[in-house]
Amino acid sequence: ENELFLTEMGFAFRARVGLSRGAGNSFAYLRAGVNLVRTNTPVPPEGKKDYFGPAAGGGLEFLVFDVFTVAMDGRYSLITDGPSGMTLLLSVGLRSR
């Protein structure tokens, strides 16, 4: 019964800029927003179950074979007080037309 369950929800704005000329197959982006983190047991530093605060991140996005989108993303949440965390994500998706 010493397991920690954590739920995180965020809302962010994202700005993207093309890195390549012509076809525009690669992009860099920055994101800024807020995150809400809720746990099943109180956690430091304030011994609360709910934390709300700013989050920021960025990443790279590539269009591969004009079909797949591959993205590498990094995020840092709860920049001020609270249990801060870093998320690294690699995602692959199908491009819709």
C-alpha atoms as a PDB file:
ATOM      1  CA  GLU A   1       0.000   0.000   0.000  1.00  0.00           C
ATOM      2  CA  ASN A   2       3.008   2.308  -0.441  1.00  0.00           C
ATOM      3  CA  GLU A   3       2.312   2.919  -4.115  1.00  0.00           C
ATOM      4  CA  LEU A   4       2.059   6.470  -5.391  1.00  0.00           C
ATOM      5  CA  PHE A   5      -0.578   7.102  -8.044  1.00  0.00           C
ATOM      6  CA  LEU A   6      -0.251  10.339  -9.959  1.00  0.00           C
ATOM      7  CA  THR A   7      -2.562  12.022 -12.459  1.00  0.00           C
ATOM      8  CA  GLU A   8      -1.321  14.970 -14.485  1.00  0.00           C
ATOM      9  CA  MET A   9      -3.359  17.203 -16.775  1.00  0.00           C
ATOM     10  CA  GLY A  10      -2.052  20.159 -18.713  1.00  0.00           C
ATOM     11  CA  PHE A  11      -3.088  22.975 -21.020  1.00  0.00           C
ATOM     12  CA  ALA A  12      -0.479  24.646 -23.228  1.00  0.00           C
ATOM     13  CA  PHE A  13       0.040  27.002 -26.136  1.00  0.00           C
ATOM     14  CA  ARG A  14       2.514  25.899 -28.771  1.00  0.00           C
ATOM     15  CA  ALA A  15       4.513  27.920 -31.327  1.00  0.00           C
ATOM     16  CA  ARG A  16       6.187  26.113 -34.227  1.00  0.00           C
ATOM     17  CA  VAL A  17       8.754  27.252 -36.791  1.00  0.00           C
ATOM     18  CA  GLY A  18      10.008  25.439 -39.904  1.00  0.00           C
ATOM     19  CA  LEU A  19      13.671  24.411 -39.941  1.00  0.00           C
ATOM     20  CA  SER A  20      14.067  23.437 -43.595  1.00  0.00           C
ATOM     21  CA  ARG A  21      13.459  25.412 -46.758  1.00  0.00           C
ATOM     22  CA  GLY A  22      11.229  24.178 -49.535  1.00  0.00           C
ATOM     23  CA  ALA A  23       9.104  21.182 -48.558  1.00  0.00           C
ATOM     24  CA  GLY A  24       9.096  22.048 -44.845  1.00  0.00           C
ATOM     25  CA  ASN A  25       9.798  18.589 -43.450  1.00  0.00           C
ATOM     26  CA  SER A  26      11.176  19.569 -40.033  1.00  0.00           C
ATOM     27  CA  PHE A  27       9.986  21.906 -37.300  1.00  0.00           C
ATOM     28  CA  ALA A  28      11.065  23.120 -33.856  1.00  0.00           C
ATOM     29  CA  TYR A  29       8.483  24.158 -31.294  1.00  0.00           C
ATOM     30  CA  LEU A  30       8.180  25.697 -27.851  1.00  0.00           C
ATOM     31  CA  ARG A  31       5.242  25.257 -25.504  1.00  0.00           C
ATOM     32  CA  ALA A  32       4.103  27.094 -22.388  1.00  0.00           C
ATOM     33  CA  GLY A  33       1.123  26.422 -20.171  1.00  0.00           C
ATOM     34  CA  VAL A  34      -0.138  25.125 -16.848  1.00  0.00           C
ATOM     35  CA  ASN A  35      -0.337  21.672 -15.254  1.00  0.00           C
ATOM     36  CA  LEU A  36      -2.512  20.194 -12.546  1.00  0.00           C
ATOM     37  CA  VAL A  37      -1.015  17.242 -10.638  1.00  0.00           C
ATOM     38  CA  ARG A  38      -3.049  15.096  -8.241  1.00  0.00           C
ATOM     39  CA  THR A  39      -1.709  12.224  -6.112  1.00  0.00           C
ATOM     40  CA  ASN A  40      -3.357   9.588  -3.918  1.00  0.00           C
ATOM     41  CA  THR A  41      -1.203  10.481  -0.913  1.00  0.00           C
ATOM     42  CA  PRO A  42       0.284  13.799   0.292  1.00  0.00           C
ATOM     43  CA  VAL A  43       3.702  14.548  -1.217  1.00  0.00           C
ATOM     44  CA  PRO A  44       6.457  17.064  -0.405  1.00  0.00           C
ATOM     45  CA  PRO A  45       7.243  19.914  -0.346  1.00  0.00           C
ATOM     46  CA  GLU A  46       3.909  21.097   1.096  1.00  0.00           C
ATOM     47  CA  GLY A  47       2.313  17.758   1.973  1.00  0.00           C
ATOM     48  CA  LYS A  48      -0.646  18.332  -0.365  1.00  0.00           C
ATOM     49  CA  LYS A  49      -2.384  16.040  -2.847  1.00  0.00           C
ATOM     50  CA  ASP A  50      -3.110  18.742  -5.465  1.00  0.00           C
ATOM     51  CA  TYR A  51      -0.583  21.008  -7.153  1.00  0.00           C
ATOM     52  CA  PHE A  52      -1.119  23.592  -9.911  1.00  0.00           C
ATOM     53  CA  GLY A  53       1.599  25.537 -11.690  1.00  0.00           C
ATOM     54  CA  PRO A  54       3.383  26.591 -14.862  1.00  0.00           C
ATOM     55  CA  ALA A  55       4.967  24.189 -17.323  1.00  0.00           C
ATOM     56  CA  ALA A  56       7.242  24.666 -20.344  1.00  0.00           C
ATOM     57  CA  GLY A  57       8.874  22.548 -22.985  1.00  0.00           C
ATOM     58  CA  GLY A  58       9.928  22.148 -26.551  1.00  0.00           C
ATOM     59  CA  GLY A  59      10.783  19.661 -29.206  1.00  0.00           C
ATOM     60  CA  LEU A  60      11.441  18.695 -32.775  1.00  0.00           C
ATOM     61  CA  GLU A  61       8.982  17.325 -35.320  1.00  0.00           C
ATOM     62  CA  PHE A  62       9.829  15.613 -38.615  1.00  0.00           C
ATOM     63  CA  LEU A  63       7.740  14.492 -41.579  1.00  0.00           C
ATOM     64  CA  VAL A  64       9.109  11.131 -42.782  1.00  0.00           C
ATOM     65  CA  PHE A  65       8.321   9.745 -46.282  1.00  0.00           C
ATOM     66  CA  ASP A  66       5.497  12.320 -46.490  1.00  0.00           C
ATOM     67  CA  VAL A  67       3.363   9.898 -44.417  1.00  0.00           C
ATOM     68  CA  PHE A  68       4.641   9.696 -40.820  1.00  0.00           C
ATOM     69  CA  THR A  69       5.179  12.421 -38.244  1.00  0.00           C
ATOM     70  CA  VAL A  70       7.932  11.723 -35.709  1.00  0.00           C
ATOM     71  CA  ALA A  71       8.234  14.036 -32.706  1.00  0.00           C
ATOM     72  CA  MET A  72      10.720  14.264 -29.841  1.00  0.00           C
ATOM     73  CA  ASP A  73       9.350  16.310 -26.961  1.00  0.00           C
ATOM     74  CA  GLY A  74      10.628  17.439 -23.573  1.00  0.00           C
ATOM     75  CA  ARG A  75       8.511  19.079 -20.848  1.00  0.00           C
ATOM     76  CA  TYR A  76       9.207  20.403 -17.381  1.00  0.00           C
ATOM     77  CA  SER A  77       6.176  20.841 -15.157  1.00  0.00           C
ATOM     78  CA  LEU A  78       5.410  22.716 -11.950  1.00  0.00           C
ATOM     79  CA  ILE A  79       8.323  25.089 -12.399  1.00  0.00           C
ATOM     80  CA  THR A  80       7.616  26.977  -9.154  1.00  0.00           C
ATOM     81  CA  ASP A  81       6.783  25.183  -5.900  1.00  0.00           C
ATOM     82  CA  GLY A  82       5.512  21.622  -5.855  1.00  0.00           C
ATOM     83  CA  PRO A  83       6.801  18.270  -7.037  1.00  0.00           C
ATOM     84  CA  SER A  84       8.553  19.208 -10.288  1.00  0.00           C
ATOM     85  CA  GLY A  85       8.893  16.663 -13.048  1.00  0.00           C
ATOM     86  CA  MET A  86      10.414  16.180 -16.469  1.00  0.00           C
ATOM     87  CA  THR A  87       8.756  14.246 -19.272  1.00  0.00           C
ATOM     88  CA  LEU A  88      10.588  13.008 -22.370  1.00  0.00           C
ATOM     89  CA  LEU A  89       8.423  11.679 -25.173  1.00  0.00           C
ATOM     90  CA  LEU A  90       9.024  10.105 -28.572  1.00  0.00           C
ATOM     91  CA  SER A  91       5.894   9.807 -30.706  1.00  0.00           C
ATOM     92  CA  VAL A  92       5.088   8.507 -34.186  1.00  0.00           C
ATOM     93  CA  GLY A  93       1.866   9.329 -35.990  1.00  0.00           C
ATOM     94  CA  LEU A  94       0.224   9.084 -39.386  1.00  0.00           C
ATOM     95  CA  ARG A  95      -0.202  12.296 -41.314  1.00  0.00           C
ATOM     96  CA  SER A  96      -3.735  13.146 -42.379  1.00  0.00           C
ATOM     97  CA  ARG A  97      -4.445  14.992 -45.576  1.00  0.00           C
END
